[in-house]
Amino acid sequence: MPTCRICKQVFPQDQFITGNGPRYLVCVRCGVELGFVSAEETPQLYSDEIVRGRTALYARRYGIWMTLFVGWMIFLSMGRGITFWSSAIFVVLLLSSIIIPIRHFLGAARFKAEKVRLTP
């Protein structure tokens, strides 16, 4: 995969503007910022709204997994010593460990549809 010679980031080939001279091996973002192309000429440019939307989409999809992981780590490290709450927290974590994968797989179609909607 080629590297942009301005920002030194690695992108797939479709994220580069075409041309020779100063436009050679310049990614879409750098090309728009430097004035080589306009934003209308680059349909593959991710605007700031699209980037924020995709970040929020991924955070909603995978944030619950991180919460479950942190919950188990806290429970295993210091949650067992609490008399009543250790069993209650264990039951909640156990039910969450069963429900979260089911919700993850059932929400895959909606996630893919929203990702397609947020792809330029």
PDB file of N, CA and C in Angstrom:
ATOM      1  N   MET A   1       0.843  -1.169   0.000  1.00  0.00           N
ATOM      2  CA  MET A   1       0.000   0.000   0.000  1.00  0.00           C
ATOM      3  C   MET A   1       0.894   1.240   0.000  1.00  0.00           C
ATOM      4  N   PRO A   2       0.553   2.215  -0.819  1.00  0.00           N
ATOM      5  CA  PRO A   2       1.406   3.398  -0.933  1.00  0.00           C
ATOM      6  C   PRO A   2       1.298   4.323   0.281  1.00  0.00           C
ATOM      7  N   THR A   3       2.308   5.152   0.415  1.00  0.00           N
ATOM      8  CA  THR A   3       2.394   6.114   1.511  1.00  0.00           C
ATOM      9  C   THR A   3       2.284   7.520   0.952  1.00  0.00           C
ATOM     10  N   CYS A   4       1.494   8.356   1.613  1.00  0.00           N
ATOM     11  CA  CYS A   4       1.383   9.756   1.207  1.00  0.00           C
ATOM     12  C   CYS A   4       2.707  10.448   1.495  1.00  0.00           C
ATOM     13  N   ARG A   5       3.190  11.209   0.528  1.00  0.00           N
ATOM     14  CA  ARG A   5       4.484  11.851   0.727  1.00  0.00           C
ATOM     15  C   ARG A   5       4.380  13.139   1.534  1.00  0.00           C
ATOM     16  N   ILE A   6       3.161  13.605   1.801  1.00  0.00           N
ATOM     17  CA  ILE A   6       2.983  14.813   2.619  1.00  0.00           C
ATOM     18  C   ILE A   6       2.835  14.439   4.095  1.00  0.00           C
ATOM     19  N   CYS A   7       1.832  13.602   4.401  1.00  0.00           N
ATOM     20  CA  CYS A   7       1.549  13.273   5.808  1.00  0.00           C
ATOM     21  C   CYS A   7       2.185  11.957   6.255  1.00  0.00           C
ATOM     22  N   LYS A   8       2.797  11.214   5.342  1.00  0.00           N
ATOM     23  CA  LYS A   8       3.500   9.953   5.640  1.00  0.00           C
ATOM     24  C   LYS A   8       2.586   8.850   6.166  1.00  0.00           C
ATOM     25  N   GLN A   9       1.289   8.911   5.869  1.00  0.00           N
ATOM     26  CA  GLN A   9       0.341   7.877   6.276  1.00  0.00           C
ATOM     27  C   GLN A   9       0.173   6.863   5.147  1.00  0.00           C
ATOM     28  N   VAL A  10      -0.166   5.638   5.497  1.00  0.00           N
ATOM     29  CA  VAL A  10      -0.365   4.566   4.528  1.00  0.00           C
ATOM     30  C   VAL A  10      -1.862   4.437   4.263  1.00  0.00           C
ATOM     31  N   PHE A  11      -2.247   4.469   2.989  1.00  0.00           N
ATOM     32  CA  PHE A  11      -3.642   4.377   2.576  1.00  0.00           C
ATOM     33  C   PHE A  11      -3.765   3.393   1.421  1.00  0.00           C
ATOM     34  N   PRO A  12      -4.972   2.862   1.168  1.00  0.00           N
ATOM     35  CA  PRO A  12      -5.176   2.097  -0.060  1.00  0.00           C
ATOM     36  C   PRO A  12      -5.106   3.023  -1.278  1.00  0.00           C
ATOM     37  N   GLN A  13      -4.922   2.442  -2.437  1.00  0.00           N
ATOM     38  CA  GLN A  13      -4.703   3.214  -3.659  1.00  0.00           C
ATOM     39  C   GLN A  13      -5.870   4.139  -3.992  1.00  0.00           C
ATOM     40  N   ASP A  14      -7.099   3.757  -3.632  1.00  0.00           N
ATOM     41  CA  ASP A  14      -8.247   4.599  -3.985  1.00  0.00           C
ATOM     42  C   ASP A  14      -8.330   5.869  -3.143  1.00  0.00           C
ATOM     43  N   GLN A  15      -7.487   6.022  -2.128  1.00  0.00           N
ATOM     44  CA  GLN A  15      -7.483   7.229  -1.300  1.00  0.00           C
ATOM     45  C   GLN A  15      -6.452   8.261  -1.771  1.00  0.00           C
ATOM     46  N   PHE A  16      -5.900   8.077  -2.970  1.00  0.00           N
ATOM     47  CA  PHE A  16      -4.917   9.008  -3.510  1.00  0.00           C
ATOM     48  C   PHE A  16      -5.497   9.727  -4.710  1.00  0.00           C
ATOM     49  N   ILE A  17      -5.089  10.996  -4.890  1.00  0.00           N
ATOM     50  CA  ILE A  17      -5.507  11.725  -6.078  1.00  0.00           C
ATOM     51  C   ILE A  17      -4.595  11.307  -7.227  1.00  0.00           C
ATOM     52  N   THR A  18      -5.107  11.413  -8.427  1.00  0.00           N
ATOM     53  CA  THR A  18      -4.327  10.995  -9.591  1.00  0.00           C
ATOM     54  C   THR A  18      -3.582  12.192 -10.157  1.00  0.00           C
ATOM     55  N   GLY A  19      -2.465  11.917 -10.756  1.00  0.00           N
ATOM     56  CA  GLY A  19      -1.716  12.979 -11.404  1.00  0.00           C
ATOM     57  C   GLY A  19      -0.226  12.808 -11.219  1.00  0.00           C
ATOM     58  N   ASN A  20       0.509  13.612 -11.955  1.00  0.00           N
ATOM     59  CA  ASN A  20       1.967  13.610 -11.877  1.00  0.00           C
ATOM     60  C   ASN A  20       2.430  14.905 -11.231  1.00  0.00           C
ATOM     61  N   GLY A  21       3.715  15.000 -11.010  1.00  0.00           N
ATOM     62  CA  GLY A  21       4.269  16.221 -10.428  1.00  0.00           C
ATOM     63  C   GLY A  21       3.909  16.343  -8.963  1.00  0.00           C
ATOM     64  N   PRO A  22       3.401  17.501  -8.550  1.00  0.00           N
ATOM     65  CA  PRO A  22       3.111  17.691  -7.124  1.00  0.00           C
ATOM     66  C   PRO A  22       1.928  16.862  -6.622  1.00  0.00           C
ATOM     67  N   ARG A  23       1.103  16.361  -7.532  1.00  0.00           N
ATOM     68  CA  ARG A  23      -0.054  15.565  -7.118  1.00  0.00           C
ATOM     69  C   ARG A  23       0.279  14.083  -6.956  1.00  0.00           C
ATOM     70  N   TYR A  24       1.467  13.675  -7.335  1.00  0.00           N
ATOM     71  CA  TYR A  24       1.842  12.265  -7.289  1.00  0.00           C
ATOM     72  C   TYR A  24       1.999  11.810  -5.842  1.00  0.00           C
ATOM     73  N   LEU A  25       1.361  10.687  -5.501  1.00  0.00           N
ATOM     74  CA  LEU A  25       1.383  10.090  -4.169  1.00  0.00           C
ATOM     75  C   LEU A  25       0.971  11.075  -3.069  1.00  0.00           C
ATOM     76  N   VAL A  26      -0.125  11.772  -3.312  1.00  0.00           N
ATOM     77  CA  VAL A  26      -0.700  12.662  -2.309  1.00  0.00           C
ATOM     78  C   VAL A  26      -2.086  12.130  -1.981  1.00  0.00           C
ATOM     79  N   CYS A  27      -2.358  11.923  -0.686  1.00  0.00           N
ATOM     80  CA  CYS A  27      -3.667  11.402  -0.294  1.00  0.00           C
ATOM     81  C   CYS A  27      -4.731  12.475  -0.499  1.00  0.00           C
ATOM     82  N   VAL A  28      -5.970  12.056  -0.455  1.00  0.00           N
ATOM     83  CA  VAL A  28      -7.087  12.952  -0.717  1.00  0.00           C
ATOM     84  C   VAL A  28      -7.123  14.082   0.302  1.00  0.00           C
ATOM     85  N   ARG A  29      -6.931  13.760   1.574  1.00  0.00           N
ATOM     86  CA  ARG A  29      -6.995  14.784   2.631  1.00  0.00           C
ATOM     87  C   ARG A  29      -5.933  15.856   2.414  1.00  0.00           C
ATOM     88  N   CYS A  30      -4.694  15.442   2.161  1.00  0.00           N
ATOM     89  CA  CYS A  30      -3.620  16.414   1.933  1.00  0.00           C
ATOM     90  C   CYS A  30      -3.844  17.185   0.639  1.00  0.00           C
ATOM     91  N   GLY A  31      -4.376  16.516  -0.379  1.00  0.00           N
ATOM     92  CA  GLY A  31      -4.654  17.187  -1.643  1.00  0.00           C
ATOM     93  C   GLY A  31      -5.676  18.294  -1.497  1.00  0.00           C
ATOM     94  N   VAL A  32      -6.696  18.074  -0.692  1.00  0.00           N
ATOM     95  CA  VAL A  32      -7.705  19.110  -0.454  1.00  0.00           C
ATOM     96  C   VAL A  32      -7.117  20.229   0.399  1.00  0.00           C
ATOM     97  N   GLU A  33      -6.347  19.872   1.434  1.00  0.00           N
ATOM     98  CA  GLU A  33      -5.767  20.892   2.314  1.00  0.00           C
ATOM     99  C   GLU A  33      -4.750  21.771   1.591  1.00  0.00           C
ATOM    100  N   LEU A  34      -3.996  21.192   0.655  1.00  0.00           N
ATOM    101  CA  LEU A  34      -2.988  21.964  -0.075  1.00  0.00           C
ATOM    102  C   LEU A  34      -3.546  22.630  -1.328  1.00  0.00           C
ATOM    103  N   GLY A  35      -4.788  22.366  -1.674  1.00  0.00           N
ATOM    104  CA  GLY A  35      -5.416  23.014  -2.817  1.00  0.00           C
ATOM    105  C   GLY A  35      -5.151  22.348  -4.148  1.00  0.00           C
ATOM    106  N   PHE A  36      -4.666  21.107  -4.156  1.00  0.00           N
ATOM    107  CA  PHE A  36      -4.445  20.400  -5.415  1.00  0.00           C
ATOM    108  C   PHE A  36      -5.767  20.019  -6.068  1.00  0.00           C
ATOM    109  N   VAL A  37      -6.758  19.684  -5.274  1.00  0.00           N
ATOM    110  CA  VAL A  37      -8.096  19.344  -5.761  1.00  0.00           C
ATOM    111  C   VAL A  37      -9.118  19.978  -4.821  1.00  0.00           C
ATOM    112  N   SER A  38     -10.345  20.108  -5.312  1.00  0.00           N
ATOM    113  CA  SER A  38     -11.418  20.610  -4.443  1.00  0.00           C
ATOM    114  C   SER A  38     -12.118  19.425  -3.785  1.00  0.00           C
ATOM    115  N   ALA A  39     -12.858  19.703  -2.743  1.00  0.00           N
ATOM    116  CA  ALA A  39     -13.559  18.636  -2.020  1.00  0.00           C
ATOM    117  C   ALA A  39     -14.631  17.989  -2.887  1.00  0.00           C
ATOM    118  N   GLU A  40     -15.193  18.733  -3.841  1.00  0.00           N
ATOM    119  CA  GLU A  40     -16.221  18.172  -4.726  1.00  0.00           C
ATOM    120  C   GLU A  40     -15.630  17.183  -5.724  1.00  0.00           C
ATOM    121  N   GLU A  41     -14.355  17.342  -6.065  1.00  0.00           N
ATOM    122  CA  GLU A  41     -13.702  16.448  -7.022  1.00  0.00           C
ATOM    123  C   GLU A  41     -13.268  15.133  -6.393  1.00  0.00           C
ATOM    124  N   THR A  42     -13.333  15.023  -5.089  1.00  0.00           N
ATOM    125  CA  THR A  42     -12.867  13.826  -4.389  1.00  0.00           C
ATOM    126  C   THR A  42     -14.017  13.197  -3.619  1.00  0.00           C
ATOM    127  N   PRO A  43     -14.750  12.291  -4.240  1.00  0.00           N
ATOM    128  CA  PRO A  43     -15.885  11.687  -3.532  1.00  0.00           C
ATOM    129  C   PRO A  43     -15.462  10.760  -2.400  1.00  0.00           C
ATOM    130  N   GLN A  44     -14.212  10.305  -2.391  1.00  0.00           N
ATOM    131  CA  GLN A  44     -13.772   9.387  -1.344  1.00  0.00           C
ATOM    132  C   GLN A  44     -13.267  10.114  -0.100  1.00  0.00           C
ATOM    133  N   LEU A  45     -13.346  11.453  -0.070  1.00  0.00           N
ATOM    134  CA  LEU A  45     -12.888  12.215   1.087  1.00  0.00           C
ATOM    135  C   LEU A  45     -13.860  12.042   2.250  1.00  0.00           C
ATOM    136  N   TYR A  46     -13.328  11.694   3.385  1.00  0.00           N
ATOM    137  CA  TYR A  46     -14.128  11.577   4.600  1.00  0.00           C
ATOM    138  C   TYR A  46     -14.189  12.952   5.255  1.00  0.00           C
ATOM    139  N   SER A  47     -15.362  13.567   5.265  1.00  0.00           N
ATOM    140  CA  SER A  47     -15.495  14.859   5.927  1.00  0.00           C
ATOM    141  C   SER A  47     -15.481  14.659   7.438  1.00  0.00           C
ATOM    142  N   ASP A  48     -15.390  15.760   8.162  1.00  0.00           N
ATOM    143  CA  ASP A  48     -15.334  15.661   9.621  1.00  0.00           C
ATOM    144  C   ASP A  48     -16.621  15.085  10.194  1.00  0.00           C
ATOM    145  N   GLU A  49     -17.763  15.390   9.575  1.00  0.00           N
ATOM    146  CA  GLU A  49     -19.032  14.840  10.055  1.00  0.00           C
ATOM    147  C   GLU A  49     -19.077  13.326   9.867  1.00  0.00           C
ATOM    148  N   ILE A  50     -18.575  12.852   8.737  1.00  0.00           N
ATOM    149  CA  ILE A  50     -18.558  11.408   8.483  1.00  0.00           C
ATOM    150  C   ILE A  50     -17.601  10.713   9.451  1.00  0.00           C
ATOM    151  N   VAL A  51     -16.462  11.326   9.705  1.00  0.00           N
ATOM    152  CA  VAL A  51     -15.498  10.730  10.637  1.00  0.00           C
ATOM    153  C   VAL A  51     -16.102  10.641  12.034  1.00  0.00           C
ATOM    154  N   ARG A  52     -16.762  11.705  12.480  1.00  0.00           N
ATOM    155  CA  ARG A  52     -17.399  11.673  13.804  1.00  0.00           C
ATOM    156  C   ARG A  52     -18.516  10.639  13.851  1.00  0.00           C
ATOM    157  N   GLY A  53     -19.297  10.540  12.784  1.00  0.00           N
ATOM    158  CA  GLY A  53     -20.372   9.550  12.737  1.00  0.00           C
ATOM    159  C   GLY A  53     -19.855   8.125  12.772  1.00  0.00           C
ATOM    160  N   ARG A  54     -18.801   7.855  12.018  1.00  0.00           N
ATOM    161  CA  ARG A  54     -18.231   6.502  12.016  1.00  0.00           C
ATOM    162  C   ARG A  54     -17.583   6.168  13.353  1.00  0.00           C
ATOM    163  N   THR A  55     -16.936   7.143  13.977  1.00  0.00           N
ATOM    164  CA  THR A  55     -16.339   6.904  15.293  1.00  0.00           C
ATOM    165  C   THR A  55     -17.415   6.592  16.318  1.00  0.00           C
ATOM    166  N   ALA A  56     -18.507   7.339  16.294  1.00  0.00           N
ATOM    167  CA  ALA A  56     -19.612   7.079  17.222  1.00  0.00           C
ATOM    168  C   ALA A  56     -20.242   5.719  16.946  1.00  0.00           C
ATOM    169  N   LEU A  57     -20.341   5.348  15.677  1.00  0.00           N
ATOM    170  CA  LEU A  57     -20.914   4.051  15.316  1.00  0.00           C
ATOM    171  C   LEU A  57     -20.062   2.906  15.870  1.00  0.00           C
ATOM    172  N   TYR A  58     -18.749   2.984  15.683  1.00  0.00           N
ATOM    173  CA  TYR A  58     -17.866   1.944  16.215  1.00  0.00           C
ATOM    174  C   TYR A  58     -17.844   1.950  17.739  1.00  0.00           C
ATOM    175  N   ALA A  59     -17.927   3.130  18.344  1.00  0.00           N
ATOM    176  CA  ALA A  59     -17.945   3.197  19.809  1.00  0.00           C
ATOM    177  C   ALA A  59     -19.208   2.550  20.369  1.00  0.00           C
ATOM    178  N   ARG A  60     -20.350   2.770  19.708  1.00  0.00           N
ATOM    179  CA  ARG A  60     -21.587   2.123  20.154  1.00  0.00           C
ATOM    180  C   ARG A  60     -21.520   0.619  19.968  1.00  0.00           C
ATOM    181  N   ARG A  61     -20.881   0.174  18.909  1.00  0.00           N
ATOM    182  CA  ARG A  61     -20.842  -1.261  18.626  1.00  0.00           C
ATOM    183  C   ARG A  61     -19.891  -2.006  19.558  1.00  0.00           C
ATOM    184  N   TYR A  62     -18.705  -1.456  19.781  1.00  0.00           N
ATOM    185  CA  TYR A  62     -17.682  -2.183  20.527  1.00  0.00           C
ATOM    186  C   TYR A  62     -17.453  -1.658  21.936  1.00  0.00           C
ATOM    187  N   GLY A  63     -18.094  -0.573  22.323  1.00  0.00           N
ATOM    188  CA  GLY A  63     -17.931  -0.039  23.670  1.00  0.00           C
ATOM    189  C   GLY A  63     -18.469  -0.961  24.741  1.00  0.00           C
ATOM    190  N   ILE A  64     -19.547  -1.667  24.435  1.00  0.00           N
ATOM    191  CA  ILE A  64     -20.138  -2.580  25.412  1.00  0.00           C
ATOM    192  C   ILE A  64     -19.192  -3.742  25.713  1.00  0.00           C
ATOM    193  N   TRP A  65     -18.414  -4.175  24.713  1.00  0.00           N
ATOM    194  CA  TRP A  65     -17.433  -5.236  24.951  1.00  0.00           C
ATOM    195  C   TRP A  65     -16.343  -4.752  25.904  1.00  0.00           C
ATOM    196  N   MET A  66     -15.897  -3.504  25.729  1.00  0.00           N
ATOM    197  CA  MET A  66     -14.878  -2.959  26.617  1.00  0.00           C
ATOM    198  C   MET A  66     -15.433  -2.805  28.031  1.00  0.00           C
ATOM    199  N   THR A  67     -16.686  -2.396  28.148  1.00  0.00           N
ATOM    200  CA  THR A  67     -17.310  -2.277  29.467  1.00  0.00           C
ATOM    201  C   THR A  67     -17.388  -3.636  30.151  1.00  0.00           C
ATOM    202  N   LEU A  68     -17.753  -4.661  29.401  1.00  0.00           N
ATOM    203  CA  LEU A  68     -17.819  -6.006  29.966  1.00  0.00           C
ATOM    204  C   LEU A  68     -16.433  -6.482  30.410  1.00  0.00           C
ATOM    205  N   PHE A  69     -15.434  -6.243  29.593  1.00  0.00           N
ATOM    206  CA  PHE A  69     -14.065  -6.639  29.936  1.00  0.00           C
ATOM    207  C   PHE A  69     -13.588  -5.929  31.203  1.00  0.00           C
ATOM    208  N   VAL A  70     -13.817  -4.627  31.279  1.00  0.00           N
ATOM    209  CA  VAL A  70     -13.412  -3.866  32.466  1.00  0.00           C
ATOM    210  C   VAL A  70     -14.191  -4.338  33.687  1.00  0.00           C
ATOM    211  N   GLY A  71     -15.475  -4.644  33.513  1.00  0.00           N
ATOM    212  CA  GLY A  71     -16.273  -5.164  34.623  1.00  0.00           C
ATOM    213  C   GLY A  71     -15.717  -6.460  35.170  1.00  0.00           C
ATOM    214  N   TRP A  72     -15.351  -7.379  34.282  1.00  0.00           N
ATOM    215  CA  TRP A  72     -14.769  -8.646  34.735  1.00  0.00           C
ATOM    216  C   TRP A  72     -13.418  -8.428  35.406  1.00  0.00           C
ATOM    217  N   MET A  73     -12.602  -7.524  34.870  1.00  0.00           N
ATOM    218  CA  MET A  73     -11.295  -7.270  35.482  1.00  0.00           C
ATOM    219  C   MET A  73     -11.452  -6.679  36.882  1.00  0.00           C
ATOM    220  N   ILE A  74     -12.380  -5.745  37.041  1.00  0.00           N
ATOM    221  CA  ILE A  74     -12.603  -5.163  38.371  1.00  0.00           C
ATOM    222  C   ILE A  74     -13.146  -6.219  39.324  1.00  0.00           C
ATOM    223  N   PHE A  75     -14.082  -7.037  38.838  1.00  0.00           N
ATOM    224  CA  PHE A  75     -14.648  -8.071  39.701  1.00  0.00           C
ATOM    225  C   PHE A  75     -13.586  -9.074  40.130  1.00  0.00           C
ATOM    226  N   LEU A  76     -12.765  -9.519  39.186  1.00  0.00           N
ATOM    227  CA  LEU A  76     -11.750 -10.519  39.519  1.00  0.00           C
ATOM    228  C   LEU A  76     -10.636  -9.955  40.392  1.00  0.00           C
ATOM    229  N   SER A  77     -10.366  -8.672  40.269  1.00  0.00           N
ATOM    230  CA  SER A  77      -9.270  -8.113  41.061  1.00  0.00           C
ATOM    231  C   SER A  77      -9.698  -7.720  42.469  1.00  0.00           C
ATOM    232  N   MET A  78     -10.894  -7.104  42.622  1.00  0.00           N
ATOM    233  CA  MET A  78     -11.258  -6.671  43.971  1.00  0.00           C
ATOM    234  C   MET A  78     -12.724  -6.864  44.310  1.00  0.00           C
ATOM    235  N   GLY A  79     -13.513  -7.409  43.444  1.00  0.00           N
ATOM    236  CA  GLY A  79     -14.940  -7.532  43.702  1.00  0.00           C
ATOM    237  C   GLY A  79     -15.348  -8.767  44.466  1.00  0.00           C
ATOM    238  N   ARG A  80     -14.464  -9.724  44.612  1.00  0.00           N
ATOM    239  CA  ARG A  80     -14.840 -10.970  45.281  1.00  0.00           C
ATOM    240  C   ARG A  80     -14.914 -10.830  46.804  1.00  0.00           C
ATOM    241  N   GLY A  81     -14.239  -9.866  47.367  1.00  0.00           N
ATOM    242  CA  GLY A  81     -14.188  -9.741  48.813  1.00  0.00           C
ATOM    243  C   GLY A  81     -15.419  -9.110  49.435  1.00  0.00           C
ATOM    244  N   ILE A  82     -16.280  -8.496  48.644  1.00  0.00           N
ATOM    245  CA  ILE A  82     -17.469  -7.833  49.171  1.00  0.00           C
ATOM    246  C   ILE A  82     -18.544  -8.897  49.380  1.00  0.00           C
ATOM    247  N   THR A  83     -19.164  -8.916  50.547  1.00  0.00           N
ATOM    248  CA  THR A  83     -20.045 -10.042  50.907  1.00  0.00           C
ATOM    249  C   THR A  83     -21.274 -10.144  50.013  1.00  0.00           C
ATOM    250  N   PHE A  84     -22.205  -9.194  50.087  1.00  0.00           N
ATOM    251  CA  PHE A  84     -23.441  -9.310  49.307  1.00  0.00           C
ATOM    252  C   PHE A  84     -23.220  -8.943  47.850  1.00  0.00           C
ATOM    253  N   TRP A  85     -22.462  -7.887  47.613  1.00  0.00           N
ATOM    254  CA  TRP A  85     -22.342  -7.359  46.266  1.00  0.00           C
ATOM    255  C   TRP A  85     -21.551  -8.267  45.336  1.00  0.00           C
ATOM    256  N   SER A  86     -20.688  -9.101  45.857  1.00  0.00           N
ATOM    257  CA  SER A  86     -19.906  -9.957  44.964  1.00  0.00           C
ATOM    258  C   SER A  86     -20.802 -10.928  44.210  1.00  0.00           C
ATOM    259  N   SER A  87     -21.796 -11.499  44.869  1.00  0.00           N
ATOM    260  CA  SER A  87     -22.693 -12.419  44.161  1.00  0.00           C
ATOM    261  C   SER A  87     -23.605 -11.664  43.204  1.00  0.00           C
ATOM    262  N   ALA A  88     -24.071 -10.481  43.584  1.00  0.00           N
ATOM    263  CA  ALA A  88     -24.932  -9.692  42.695  1.00  0.00           C
ATOM    264  C   ALA A  88     -24.162  -9.235  41.461  1.00  0.00           C
ATOM    265  N   ILE A  89     -22.950  -8.755  41.667  1.00  0.00           N
ATOM    266  CA  ILE A  89     -22.125  -8.318  40.536  1.00  0.00           C
ATOM    267  C   ILE A  89     -21.780  -9.500  39.646  1.00  0.00           C
ATOM    268  N   PHE A  90     -21.513 -10.655  40.239  1.00  0.00           N
ATOM    269  CA  PHE A  90     -21.207 -11.851  39.453  1.00  0.00           C
ATOM    270  C   PHE A  90     -22.393 -12.244  38.576  1.00  0.00           C
ATOM    271  N   VAL A  91     -23.606 -12.194  39.111  1.00  0.00           N
ATOM    272  CA  VAL A  91     -24.801 -12.542  38.332  1.00  0.00           C
ATOM    273  C   VAL A  91     -24.989 -11.555  37.185  1.00  0.00           C
ATOM    274  N   VAL A  92     -24.807 -10.264  37.451  1.00  0.00           N
ATOM    275  CA  VAL A  92     -24.948  -9.254  36.395  1.00  0.00           C
ATOM    276  C   VAL A  92     -23.899  -9.466  35.308  1.00  0.00           C
ATOM    277  N   LEU A  93     -22.660  -9.721  35.699  1.00  0.00           N
ATOM    278  CA  LEU A  93     -21.607  -9.956  34.709  1.00  0.00           C
ATOM    279  C   LEU A  93     -21.852 -11.240  33.921  1.00  0.00           C
ATOM    280  N   LEU A  94     -22.349 -12.257  34.579  1.00  0.00           N
ATOM    281  CA  LEU A  94     -22.640 -13.514  33.897  1.00  0.00           C
ATOM    282  C   LEU A  94     -23.766 -13.339  32.879  1.00  0.00           C
ATOM    283  N   LEU A  95     -24.839 -12.661  33.273  1.00  0.00           N
ATOM    284  CA  LEU A  95     -25.936 -12.399  32.331  1.00  0.00           C
ATOM    285  C   LEU A  95     -25.472 -11.505  31.186  1.00  0.00           C
ATOM    286  N   SER A  96     -24.648 -10.517  31.493  1.00  0.00           N
ATOM    287  CA  SER A  96     -24.119  -9.651  30.439  1.00  0.00           C
ATOM    288  C   SER A  96     -23.245 -10.430  29.470  1.00  0.00           C
ATOM    289  N   SER A  97     -22.476 -11.384  29.983  1.00  0.00           N
ATOM    290  CA  SER A  97     -21.618 -12.194  29.117  1.00  0.00           C
ATOM    291  C   SER A  97     -22.425 -13.088  28.194  1.00  0.00           C
ATOM    292  N   ILE A  98     -23.651 -13.381  28.557  1.00  0.00           N
ATOM    293  CA  ILE A  98     -24.522 -14.184  27.696  1.00  0.00           C
ATOM    294  C   ILE A  98     -25.279 -13.294  26.716  1.00  0.00           C
ATOM    295  N   ILE A  99     -25.766 -12.150  27.174  1.00  0.00           N
ATOM    296  CA  ILE A  99     -26.627 -11.293  26.356  1.00  0.00           C
ATOM    297  C   ILE A  99     -25.838 -10.473  25.342  1.00  0.00           C
ATOM    298  N   ILE A 100     -24.671  -9.978  25.720  1.00  0.00           N
ATOM    299  CA  ILE A 100     -23.910  -9.084  24.838  1.00  0.00           C
ATOM    300  C   ILE A 100     -23.507  -9.751  23.524  1.00  0.00           C
ATOM    301  N   PRO A 101     -23.001 -10.993  23.494  1.00  0.00           N
ATOM    302  CA  PRO A 101     -22.695 -11.598  22.187  1.00  0.00           C
ATOM    303  C   PRO A 101     -23.936 -11.793  21.315  1.00  0.00           C
ATOM    304  N   ILE A 102     -25.062 -12.109  21.939  1.00  0.00           N
ATOM    305  CA  ILE A 102     -26.294 -12.279  21.165  1.00  0.00           C
ATOM    306  C   ILE A 102     -26.698 -10.951  20.535  1.00  0.00           C
ATOM    307  N   ARG A 103     -26.674  -9.878  21.324  1.00  0.00           N
ATOM    308  CA  ARG A 103     -27.015  -8.555  20.790  1.00  0.00           C
ATOM    309  C   ARG A 103     -26.010  -8.114  19.729  1.00  0.00           C
ATOM    310  N   HIS A 104     -24.755  -8.490  19.905  1.00  0.00           N
ATOM    311  CA  HIS A 104     -23.723  -8.115  18.940  1.00  0.00           C
ATOM    312  C   HIS A 104     -24.006  -8.746  17.575  1.00  0.00           C
ATOM    313  N   PHE A 105     -24.315 -10.032  17.566  1.00  0.00           N
ATOM    314  CA  PHE A 105     -24.570 -10.710  16.297  1.00  0.00           C
ATOM    315  C   PHE A 105     -25.913 -10.318  15.694  1.00  0.00           C
ATOM    316  N   LEU A 106     -26.912 -10.061  16.518  1.00  0.00           N
ATOM    317  CA  LEU A 106     -28.206  -9.633  15.986  1.00  0.00           C
ATOM    318  C   LEU A 106     -28.154  -8.215  15.426  1.00  0.00           C
ATOM    319  N   GLY A 107     -27.249  -7.391  15.921  1.00  0.00           N
ATOM    320  CA  GLY A 107     -27.132  -6.020  15.435  1.00  0.00           C
ATOM    321  C   GLY A 107     -26.159  -5.853  14.290  1.00  0.00           C
ATOM    322  N   ALA A 108     -25.637  -6.943  13.755  1.00  0.00           N
ATOM    323  CA  ALA A 108     -24.633  -6.851  12.692  1.00  0.00           C
ATOM    324  C   ALA A 108     -25.202  -6.235  11.419  1.00  0.00           C
ATOM    325  N   ALA A 109     -26.424  -6.578  11.065  1.00  0.00           N
ATOM    326  CA  ALA A 109     -27.012  -6.043   9.836  1.00  0.00           C
ATOM    327  C   ALA A 109     -27.232  -4.537   9.951  1.00  0.00           C
ATOM    328  N   ARG A 110     -27.727  -4.089  11.107  1.00  0.00           N
ATOM    329  CA  ARG A 110     -27.942  -2.656  11.302  1.00  0.00           C
ATOM    330  C   ARG A 110     -26.609  -1.906  11.290  1.00  0.00           C
ATOM    331  N   PHE A 111     -25.581  -2.496  11.902  1.00  0.00           N
ATOM    332  CA  PHE A 111     -24.259  -1.870  11.914  1.00  0.00           C
ATOM    333  C   PHE A 111     -23.716  -1.725  10.494  1.00  0.00           C
ATOM    334  N   LYS A 112     -23.835  -2.778   9.702  1.00  0.00           N
ATOM    335  CA  LYS A 112     -23.339  -2.716   8.323  1.00  0.00           C
ATOM    336  C   LYS A 112     -24.114  -1.699   7.501  1.00  0.00           C
ATOM    337  N   ALA A 113     -25.429  -1.613   7.719  1.00  0.00           N
ATOM    338  CA  ALA A 113     -26.242  -0.644   6.985  1.00  0.00           C
ATOM    339  C   ALA A 113     -25.854   0.787   7.352  1.00  0.00           C
ATOM    340  N   GLU A 114     -25.641   1.042   8.621  1.00  0.00           N
ATOM    341  CA  GLU A 114     -25.232   2.385   9.032  1.00  0.00           C
ATOM    342  C   GLU A 114     -23.823   2.709   8.551  1.00  0.00           C
ATOM    343  N   LYS A 115     -22.947   1.704   8.503  1.00  0.00           N
ATOM    344  CA  LYS A 115     -21.588   1.936   8.015  1.00  0.00           C
ATOM    345  C   LYS A 115     -21.596   2.261   6.524  1.00  0.00           C
ATOM    346  N   VAL A 116     -22.449   1.578   5.767  1.00  0.00           N
ATOM    347  CA  VAL A 116     -22.565   1.881   4.338  1.00  0.00           C
ATOM    348  C   VAL A 116     -23.111   3.289   4.146  1.00  0.00           C
ATOM    349  N   ARG A 117     -24.066   3.682   4.995  1.00  0.00           N
ATOM    350  CA  ARG A 117     -24.639   5.023   4.898  1.00  0.00           C
ATOM    351  C   ARG A 117     -23.585   6.088   5.204  1.00  0.00           C
ATOM    352  N   LEU A 118     -22.634   5.776   6.071  1.00  0.00           N
ATOM    353  CA  LEU A 118     -21.600   6.738   6.451  1.00  0.00           C
ATOM    354  C   LEU A 118     -20.324   6.607   5.632  1.00  0.00           C
ATOM    355  N   THR A 119     -20.350   5.833   4.569  1.00  0.00           N
ATOM    356  CA  THR A 119     -19.187   5.692   3.696  1.00  0.00           C
ATOM    357  C   THR A 119     -19.378   6.577   2.472  1.00  0.00           C
ATOM    358  N   PRO A 120     -18.407   7.448   2.187  1.00  0.00           N
ATOM    359  CA  PRO A 120     -18.584   8.346   1.026  1.00  0.00           C
ATOM    360  C   PRO A 120     -18.511   7.605  -0.290  1.00  0.00           C
TER     361      PRO A 120
END
